[in-house]
PDB file of N, CA and C in Angstrom:
ATOM      1  N   PRO A   1      76.479 124.184  88.637  1.00  0.00           N
ATOM      2  CA  PRO A   1      76.758 122.787  88.933  1.00  0.00           C
ATOM      3  C   PRO A   1      78.062 122.655  89.716  1.00  0.00           C
ATOM      4  N   GLY A   2      78.169 121.614  90.503  1.00  0.00           N
ATOM      5  CA  GLY A   2      79.381 121.387  91.278  1.00  0.00           C
ATOM      6  C   GLY A   2      79.329 122.107  92.606  1.00  0.00           C
ATOM      7  N   LEU A   3      80.446 122.109  93.290  1.00  0.00           N
ATOM      8  CA  LEU A   3      80.552 122.753  94.593  1.00  0.00           C
ATOM      9  C   LEU A   3      80.737 124.249  94.454  1.00  0.00           C
ATOM     10  N   PRO A   4      80.173 125.030  95.383  1.00  0.00           N
ATOM     11  CA  PRO A   4      80.487 126.455  95.406  1.00  0.00           C
ATOM     12  C   PRO A   4      81.975 126.630  95.688  1.00  0.00           C
ATOM     13  N   ALA A   5      82.532 127.756  95.301  1.00  0.00           N
ATOM     14  CA  ALA A   5      83.971 127.998  95.437  1.00  0.00           C
ATOM     15  C   ALA A   5      84.451 127.801  96.866  1.00  0.00           C
ATOM     16  N   ALA A   6      83.706 128.285  97.850  1.00  0.00           N
ATOM     17  CA  ALA A   6      84.121 128.153  99.254  1.00  0.00           C
ATOM     18  C   ALA A   6      84.169 126.687  99.670  1.00  0.00           C
ATOM     19  N   ALA A   7      83.177 125.911  99.247  1.00  0.00           N
ATOM     20  CA  ALA A   7      83.148 124.486  99.590  1.00  0.00           C
ATOM     21  C   ALA A   7      84.289 123.747  98.912  1.00  0.00           C
ATOM     22  N   ALA A   8      84.585 124.091  97.677  1.00  0.00           N
ATOM     23  CA  ALA A   8      85.690 123.449  96.958  1.00  0.00           C
ATOM     24  C   ALA A   8      87.015 123.757  97.643  1.00  0.00           C
ATOM     25  N   THR A   9      87.190 124.999  98.085  1.00  0.00           N
ATOM     26  CA  THR A   9      88.418 125.381  98.784  1.00  0.00           C
ATOM     27  C   THR A   9      88.537 124.623 100.094  1.00  0.00           C
ATOM     28  N   THR A  10      87.436 124.514 100.829  1.00  0.00           N
ATOM     29  CA  THR A  10      87.440 123.775 102.090  1.00  0.00           C
ATOM     30  C   THR A  10      87.776 122.310 101.846  1.00  0.00           C
ATOM     31  N   ALA A  11      87.211 121.735 100.805  1.00  0.00           N
ATOM     32  CA  ALA A  11      87.499 120.335 100.479  1.00  0.00           C
ATOM     33  C   ALA A  11      88.974 120.153 100.152  1.00  0.00           C
ATOM     34  N   ALA A  12      89.557 121.089  99.423  1.00  0.00           N
ATOM     35  CA  ALA A  12      90.978 121.005  99.079  1.00  0.00           C
ATOM     36  C   ALA A  12      91.844 121.118 100.324  1.00  0.00           C
ATOM     37  N   ILE A  13      91.477 122.005 101.234  1.00  0.00           N
ATOM     38  CA  ILE A  13      92.240 122.159 102.480  1.00  0.00           C
ATOM     39  C   ILE A  13      92.156 120.882 103.302  1.00  0.00           C
ATOM     40  N   MET A  14      90.971 120.291 103.404  1.00  0.00           N
ATOM     41  CA  MET A  14      90.804 119.052 104.163  1.00  0.00           C
ATOM     42  C   MET A  14      91.632 117.925 103.548  1.00  0.00           C
ATOM     43  N   PHE A  15      91.687 117.875 102.223  1.00  0.00           N
ATOM     44  CA  PHE A  15      92.475 116.859 101.529  1.00  0.00           C
ATOM     45  C   PHE A  15      93.926 116.927 101.974  1.00  0.00           C
ATOM     46  N   TRP A  16      94.502 118.114 101.965  1.00  0.00           N
ATOM     47  CA  TRP A  16      95.910 118.265 102.335  1.00  0.00           C
ATOM     48  C   TRP A  16      96.107 118.187 103.840  1.00  0.00           C
ATOM     49  N   LYS A  17      95.138 118.668 104.616  1.00  0.00           N
ATOM     50  CA  LYS A  17      95.260 118.645 106.074  1.00  0.00           C
ATOM     51  C   LYS A  17      95.363 117.211 106.580  1.00  0.00           C
ATOM     52  N   PHE A  18      94.561 116.338 106.030  1.00  0.00           N
ATOM     53  CA  PHE A  18      94.557 114.955 106.477  1.00  0.00           C
ATOM     54  C   PHE A  18      95.486 114.071 105.656  1.00  0.00           C
ATOM     55  N   ASP A  19      96.240 114.666 104.755  1.00  0.00           N
ATOM     56  CA  ASP A  19      97.247 113.961 103.968  1.00  0.00           C
ATOM     57  C   ASP A  19      96.660 112.734 103.277  1.00  0.00           C
ATOM     58  N   LEU A  20      95.536 112.933 102.609  1.00  0.00           N
ATOM     59  CA  LEU A  20      94.876 111.830 101.923  1.00  0.00           C
ATOM     60  C   LEU A  20      95.558 111.458 100.620  1.00  0.00           C
ATOM     61  N   ASN A  21      96.576 112.203 100.254  1.00  0.00           N
ATOM     62  CA  ASN A  21      97.268 111.923  99.006  1.00  0.00           C
ATOM     63  C   ASN A  21      98.536 111.103  99.222  1.00  0.00           C
ATOM     64  N   ASN A  22      98.735 110.600 100.438  1.00  0.00           N
ATOM     65  CA  ASN A  22      99.996 109.914 100.708  1.00  0.00           C
ATOM     66  C   ASN A  22     100.088 108.588  99.955  1.00  0.00           C
ATOM     67  N   THR A  23     101.294 108.216  99.649  1.00  0.00           N
ATOM     68  CA  THR A  23     101.564 106.960  98.970  1.00  0.00           C
ATOM     69  C   THR A  23     101.585 105.855 100.013  1.00  0.00           C
ATOM     70  N   SER A  24     101.013 104.728  99.701  1.00  0.00           N
ATOM     71  CA  SER A  24     100.990 103.634 100.666  1.00  0.00           C
ATOM     72  C   SER A  24     102.409 103.139 100.922  1.00  0.00           C
ATOM     73  N   HIS A  25     102.586 102.567 102.098  1.00  0.00           N
ATOM     74  CA  HIS A  25     103.898 102.021 102.453  1.00  0.00           C
ATOM     75  C   HIS A  25     104.270 100.896 101.497  1.00  0.00           C
ATOM     76  N   ILE A  26     103.278 100.174 101.023  1.00  0.00           N
ATOM     77  CA  ILE A  26     103.538  99.093 100.066  1.00  0.00           C
ATOM     78  C   ILE A  26     104.099  99.658  98.770  1.00  0.00           C
ATOM     79  N   ASP A  27     103.540 100.764  98.294  1.00  0.00           N
ATOM     80  CA  ASP A  27     104.082 101.399  97.090  1.00  0.00           C
ATOM     81  C   ASP A  27     105.528 101.831  97.312  1.00  0.00           C
ATOM     82  N   GLN A  28     105.810 102.347  98.500  1.00  0.00           N
ATOM     83  CA  GLN A  28     107.183 102.755  98.812  1.00  0.00           C
ATOM     84  C   GLN A  28     108.118 101.551  98.798  1.00  0.00           C
ATOM     85  N   LEU A  29     107.667 100.428  99.347  1.00  0.00           N
ATOM     86  CA  LEU A  29     108.480  99.211  99.317  1.00  0.00           C
ATOM     87  C   LEU A  29     108.707  98.741  97.884  1.00  0.00           C
ATOM     88  N   LEU A  30     107.649  98.782  97.085  1.00  0.00           N
ATOM     89  CA  LEU A  30     107.756  98.322  95.702  1.00  0.00           C
ATOM     90  C   LEU A  30     108.675  99.208  94.867  1.00  0.00           C
ATOM     91  N   ASP A  31     108.814 100.461  95.257  1.00  0.00           N
ATOM     92  CA  ASP A  31     109.722 101.368  94.551  1.00  0.00           C
ATOM     93  C   ASP A  31     111.182 101.073  94.879  1.00  0.00           C
ATOM     94  N   ARG A  32     111.401 100.352  95.963  1.00  0.00           N
ATOM     95  CA  ARG A  32     112.758 100.007  96.385  1.00  0.00           C
ATOM     96  C   ARG A  32     113.281  98.827  95.571  1.00  0.00           C
ATOM     97  N   GLU A  33     114.529  98.901  95.199  1.00  0.00           N
ATOM     98  CA  GLU A  33     115.128  97.794  94.454  1.00  0.00           C
ATOM     99  C   GLU A  33     115.382  96.626  95.405  1.00  0.00           C
ATOM    100  N   GLY A  34     115.029  95.443  94.983  1.00  0.00           N
ATOM    101  CA  GLY A  34     115.315  94.245  95.761  1.00  0.00           C
ATOM    102  C   GLY A  34     114.298  93.919  96.844  1.00  0.00           C
ATOM    103  N   VAL A  35     113.119  94.531  96.799  1.00  0.00           N
ATOM    104  CA  VAL A  35     112.098  94.213  97.795  1.00  0.00           C
ATOM    105  C   VAL A  35     111.720  92.742  97.663  1.00  0.00           C
ATOM    106  N   THR A  36     111.440  92.107  98.792  1.00  0.00           N
ATOM    107  CA  THR A  36     111.111  90.681  98.775  1.00  0.00           C
ATOM    108  C   THR A  36     109.631  90.463  99.075  1.00  0.00           C
ATOM    109  N   LEU A  37     109.159  89.311  98.686  1.00  0.00           N
ATOM    110  CA  LEU A  37     107.782  88.931  98.978  1.00  0.00           C
ATOM    111  C   LEU A  37     107.563  88.917 100.487  1.00  0.00           C
ATOM    112  N   ARG A  38     108.520  88.423 101.222  1.00  0.00           N
ATOM    113  CA  ARG A  38     108.404  88.348 102.685  1.00  0.00           C
ATOM    114  C   ARG A  38     108.205  89.737 103.295  1.00  0.00           C
ATOM    115  N   GLU A  39     108.947  90.731 102.789  1.00  0.00           N
ATOM    116  CA  GLU A  39     108.790  92.100 103.288  1.00  0.00           C
ATOM    117  C   GLU A  39     107.367  92.596 103.049  1.00  0.00           C
ATOM    118  N   LEU A  40     106.845  92.313 101.876  1.00  0.00           N
ATOM    119  CA  LEU A  40     105.481  92.745 101.558  1.00  0.00           C
ATOM    120  C   LEU A  40     104.450  92.006 102.406  1.00  0.00           C
ATOM    121  N   MET A  41     104.679  90.721 102.638  1.00  0.00           N
ATOM    122  CA  MET A  41     103.735  89.919 103.412  1.00  0.00           C
ATOM    123  C   MET A  41     103.678  90.371 104.871  1.00  0.00           C
ATOM    124  N   GLU A  42     104.723  91.024 105.347  1.00  0.00           N
ATOM    125  CA  GLU A  42     104.745  91.505 106.727  1.00  0.00           C
ATOM    126  C   GLU A  42     103.937  92.788 106.911  1.00  0.00           C
ATOM    127  N   GLU A  43     103.531  93.404 105.819  1.00  0.00           N
ATOM    128  CA  GLU A  43     102.760  94.645 105.895  1.00  0.00           C
ATOM    129  C   GLU A  43     101.305  94.345 106.253  1.00  0.00           C
ATOM    130  N   GLU A  44     100.762  95.116 107.186  1.00  0.00           N
ATOM    131  CA  GLU A  44      99.381  94.917 107.634  1.00  0.00           C
ATOM    132  C   GLU A  44      98.363  95.074 106.516  1.00  0.00           C
ATOM    133  N   ASP A  45      98.618  96.011 105.618  1.00  0.00           N
ATOM    134  CA  ASP A  45      97.603  96.353 104.623  1.00  0.00           C
ATOM    135  C   ASP A  45      97.796  95.669 103.272  1.00  0.00           C
ATOM    136  N   VAL A  46      98.575  94.592 103.232  1.00  0.00           N
ATOM    137  CA  VAL A  46      98.828  93.942 101.947  1.00  0.00           C
ATOM    138  C   VAL A  46      97.536  93.371 101.345  1.00  0.00           C
ATOM    139  N   LEU A  47      96.676  92.783 102.166  1.00  0.00           N
ATOM    140  CA  LEU A  47      95.415  92.245 101.637  1.00  0.00           C
ATOM    141  C   LEU A  47      94.495  93.361 101.165  1.00  0.00           C
ATOM    142  N   GLN A  48      94.442  94.444 101.938  1.00  0.00           N
ATOM    143  CA  GLN A  48      93.609  95.582 101.544  1.00  0.00           C
ATOM    144  C   GLN A  48      94.092  96.168 100.222  1.00  0.00           C
ATOM    145  N   GLU A  49      95.410  96.243 100.050  1.00  0.00           N
ATOM    146  CA  GLU A  49      95.973  96.773  98.804  1.00  0.00           C
ATOM    147  C   GLU A  49      95.650  95.846  97.630  1.00  0.00           C
ATOM    148  N   CYS A  50      95.625  94.547  97.878  1.00  0.00           N
ATOM    149  CA  CYS A  50      95.228  93.604  96.819  1.00  0.00           C
ATOM    150  C   CYS A  50      93.760  93.810  96.459  1.00  0.00           C
ATOM    151  N   LYS A  51      92.914  93.945  97.481  1.00  0.00           N
ATOM    152  CA  LYS A  51      91.483  94.163  97.237  1.00  0.00           C
ATOM    153  C   LYS A  51      91.238  95.467  96.492  1.00  0.00           C
ATOM    154  N   ALA A  52      92.080  96.468  96.767  1.00  0.00           N
ATOM    155  CA  ALA A  52      91.952  97.765  96.096  1.00  0.00           C
ATOM    156  C   ALA A  52      92.586  97.735  94.708  1.00  0.00           C
ATOM    157  N   GLN A  53      93.095  96.577  94.323  1.00  0.00           N
ATOM    158  CA  GLN A  53      93.713  96.357  93.015  1.00  0.00           C
ATOM    159  C   GLN A  53      94.891  97.297  92.771  1.00  0.00           C
ATOM    160  N   ASN A  54      95.770  97.372  93.775  1.00  0.00           N
ATOM    161  CA  ASN A  54      96.999  98.145  93.634  1.00  0.00           C
ATOM    162  C   ASN A  54      97.804  97.516  92.501  1.00  0.00           C
ATOM    163  N   ARG A  55      97.886  98.218  91.394  1.00  0.00           N
ATOM    164  CA  ARG A  55      98.489  97.671  90.175  1.00  0.00           C
ATOM    165  C   ARG A  55      99.947  97.252  90.380  1.00  0.00           C
ATOM    166  N   LYS A  56     100.730  98.101  91.043  1.00  0.00           N
ATOM    167  CA  LYS A  56     102.144  97.767  91.264  1.00  0.00           C
ATOM    168  C   LYS A  56     102.279  96.496  92.093  1.00  0.00           C
ATOM    169  N   LEU A  57     101.447  96.370  93.109  1.00  0.00           N
ATOM    170  CA  LEU A  57     101.497  95.185  93.958  1.00  0.00           C
ATOM    171  C   LEU A  57     101.079  93.943  93.179  1.00  0.00           C
ATOM    172  N   LEU A  58      99.994  94.037  92.428  1.00  0.00           N
ATOM    173  CA  LEU A  58      99.523  92.880  91.667  1.00  0.00           C
ATOM    174  C   LEU A  58     100.531  92.452  90.607  1.00  0.00           C
ATOM    175  N   LEU A  59     101.185  93.409  89.972  1.00  0.00           N
ATOM    176  CA  LEU A  59     102.223  93.068  88.988  1.00  0.00           C
ATOM    177  C   LEU A  59     103.396  92.364  89.660  1.00  0.00           C
ATOM    178  N   PHE A  60     103.776  92.838  90.837  1.00  0.00           N
ATOM    179  CA  PHE A  60     104.875  92.204  91.571  1.00  0.00           C
ATOM    180  C   PHE A  60     104.492  90.780  91.972  1.00  0.00           C
ATOM    181  N   LEU A  61     103.297  90.621  92.530  1.00  0.00           N
ATOM    182  CA  LEU A  61     102.865  89.302  92.996  1.00  0.00           C
ATOM    183  C   LEU A  61     102.679  88.306  91.861  1.00  0.00           C
ATOM    184  N   SER A  62     102.440  88.779  90.655  1.00  0.00           N
ATOM    185  CA  SER A  62     102.223  87.869  89.529  1.00  0.00           C
ATOM    186  C   SER A  62     103.517  87.466  88.822  1.00  0.00           C
ATOM    187  N   LYS A  63     104.654  87.959  89.290  1.00  0.00           N
ATOM    188  CA  LYS A  63     105.938  87.527  88.722  1.00  0.00           C
ATOM    189  C   LYS A  63     106.169  86.065  89.082  1.00  0.00           C
ATOM    190  N   ASP A  64     106.869  85.361  88.196  1.00  0.00           N
ATOM    191  CA  ASP A  64     107.092  83.924  88.386  1.00  0.00           C
ATOM    192  C   ASP A  64     107.673  83.585  89.754  1.00  0.00           C
ATOM    193  N   HIS A  65     108.724  84.305  90.171  1.00  0.00           N
ATOM    194  CA  HIS A  65     109.372  83.953  91.439  1.00  0.00           C
ATOM    195  C   HIS A  65     108.437  84.166  92.629  1.00  0.00           C
ATOM    196  N   CYS A  66     107.566  85.165  92.554  1.00  0.00           N
ATOM    197  CA  CYS A  66     106.597  85.399  93.639  1.00  0.00           C
ATOM    198  C   CYS A  66     105.530  84.316  93.649  1.00  0.00           C
ATOM    199  N   MET A  67     105.042  83.971  92.473  1.00  0.00           N
ATOM    200  CA  MET A  67     104.017  82.933  92.396  1.00  0.00           C
ATOM    201  C   MET A  67     104.552  81.611  92.945  1.00  0.00           C
ATOM    202  N   GLN A  68     105.793  81.278  92.593  1.00  0.00           N
ATOM    203  CA  GLN A  68     106.395  80.043  93.095  1.00  0.00           C
ATOM    204  C   GLN A  68     106.532  80.079  94.614  1.00  0.00           C
ATOM    205  N   GLU A  69     106.967  81.223  95.148  1.00  0.00           N
ATOM    206  CA  GLU A  69     107.124  81.341  96.597  1.00  0.00           C
ATOM    207  C   GLU A  69     105.772  81.281  97.306  1.00  0.00           C
ATOM    208  N   LEU A  70     104.748  81.897  96.723  1.00  0.00           N
ATOM    209  CA  LEU A  70     103.409  81.849  97.316  1.00  0.00           C
ATOM    210  C   LEU A  70     102.872  80.420  97.348  1.00  0.00           C
ATOM    211  N   VAL A  71     103.061  79.691  96.267  1.00  0.00           N
ATOM    212  CA  VAL A  71     102.609  78.293  96.226  1.00  0.00           C
ATOM    213  C   VAL A  71     103.354  77.476  97.277  1.00  0.00           C
ATOM    214  N   THR A  72     104.649  77.702  97.405  1.00  0.00           N
ATOM    215  CA  THR A  72     105.440  77.001  98.417  1.00  0.00           C
ATOM    216  C   THR A  72     104.931  77.326  99.819  1.00  0.00           C
ATOM    217  N   LEU A  73     104.632  78.588 100.071  1.00  0.00           N
ATOM    218  CA  LEU A  73     104.155  78.999 101.396  1.00  0.00           C
ATOM    219  C   LEU A  73     102.851  78.310 101.785  1.00  0.00           C
ATOM    220  N   ILE A  74     101.994  78.045 100.805  1.00  0.00           N
ATOM    221  CA  ILE A  74     100.700  77.440 101.148  1.00  0.00           C
ATOM    222  C   ILE A  74     100.683  75.920 101.033  1.00  0.00           C
ATOM    223  N   THR A  75     101.717  75.328 100.448  1.00  0.00           N
ATOM    224  CA  THR A  75     101.700  73.875 100.262  1.00  0.00           C
ATOM    225  C   THR A  75     102.715  73.128 101.113  1.00  0.00           C
ATOM    226  N   GLU A  76     103.668  73.840 101.691  1.00  0.00           N
ATOM    227  CA  GLU A  76     104.691  73.171 102.497  1.00  0.00           C
ATOM    228  C   GLU A  76     104.627  73.645 103.939  1.00  0.00           C
ATOM    229  N   GLU A  77     104.797  72.705 104.855  1.00  0.00           N
ATOM    230  CA  GLU A  77     104.815  73.018 106.282  1.00  0.00           C
ATOM    231  C   GLU A  77     106.072  73.828 106.603  1.00  0.00           C
ATOM    232  N   PRO A  78     105.923  74.952 107.309  1.00  0.00           N
ATOM    233  CA  PRO A  78     107.111  75.742 107.648  1.00  0.00           C
ATOM    234  C   PRO A  78     107.984  75.019 108.668  1.00  0.00           C
ATOM    235  N   SER A  79     109.244  75.329 108.666  1.00  0.00           N
ATOM    236  CA  SER A  79     110.196  74.723 109.588  1.00  0.00           C
ATOM    237  C   SER A  79     109.828  75.066 111.026  1.00  0.00           C
ATOM    238  N   ALA A  80     109.948  74.103 111.910  1.00  0.00           N
ATOM    239  CA  ALA A  80     109.667  74.327 113.331  1.00  0.00           C
ATOM    240  C   ALA A  80     110.698  75.255 113.957  1.00  0.00           C
ATOM    241  N   ASP A  81     111.830  75.435 113.281  1.00  0.00           N
ATOM    242  CA  ASP A  81     112.884  76.313 113.798  1.00  0.00           C
ATOM    243  C   ASP A  81     112.522  77.792 113.681  1.00  0.00           C
ATOM    244  N   LEU A  82     111.584  78.117 112.814  1.00  0.00           N
ATOM    245  CA  LEU A  82     111.190  79.514 112.627  1.00  0.00           C
ATOM    246  C   LEU A  82     110.348  79.988 113.804  1.00  0.00           C
ATOM    247  N   GLU A  83     110.441  81.282 114.101  1.00  0.00           N
ATOM    248  CA  GLU A  83     109.606  81.820 115.173  1.00  0.00           C
ATOM    249  C   GLU A  83     108.140  81.748 114.746  1.00  0.00           C
ATOM    250  N   GLU A  84     107.267  81.679 115.728  1.00  0.00           N
ATOM    251  CA  GLU A  84     105.842  81.466 115.450  1.00  0.00           C
ATOM    252  C   GLU A  84     105.248  82.541 114.542  1.00  0.00           C
ATOM    253  N   ARG A  85     105.649  83.789 114.739  1.00  0.00           N
ATOM    254  CA  ARG A  85     105.121  84.890 113.916  1.00  0.00           C
ATOM    255  C   ARG A  85     105.429  84.650 112.434  1.00  0.00           C
ATOM    256  N   THR A  86     106.602  84.139 112.144  1.00  0.00           N
ATOM    257  CA  THR A  86     107.009  83.878 110.767  1.00  0.00           C
ATOM    258  C   THR A  86     106.314  82.632 110.220  1.00  0.00           C
ATOM    259  N   ARG A  87     106.154  81.624 111.066  1.00  0.00           N
ATOM    260  CA  ARG A  87     105.535  80.372 110.622  1.00  0.00           C
ATOM    261  C   ARG A  87     104.076  80.545 110.236  1.00  0.00           C
ATOM    262  N   PHE A  88     103.375  81.411 110.956  1.00  0.00           N
ATOM    263  CA  PHE A  88     101.937  81.531 110.734  1.00  0.00           C
ATOM    264  C   PHE A  88     101.593  82.924 110.311  1.00  0.00           C
TER     265      PHE A  88
END
């Protein structure tokens, strides 16, 4: 049962060759002290990480200060003084 030894070795080499074990950039940000919601929101893969149920990300987003900021972001019109990329 399972893979033959040669196939298992090849699979292990491919795993390391393509660096499939890397930590997401979001995890690296979350490991940093003082990371902000805005920094996380600027990451391209933040929605994908939420869909993948990244536990560290979901725990961070469910903190009171993050929830309050998220509600503010969706209920208040952003300042016209902000650059367009930040506003939308």
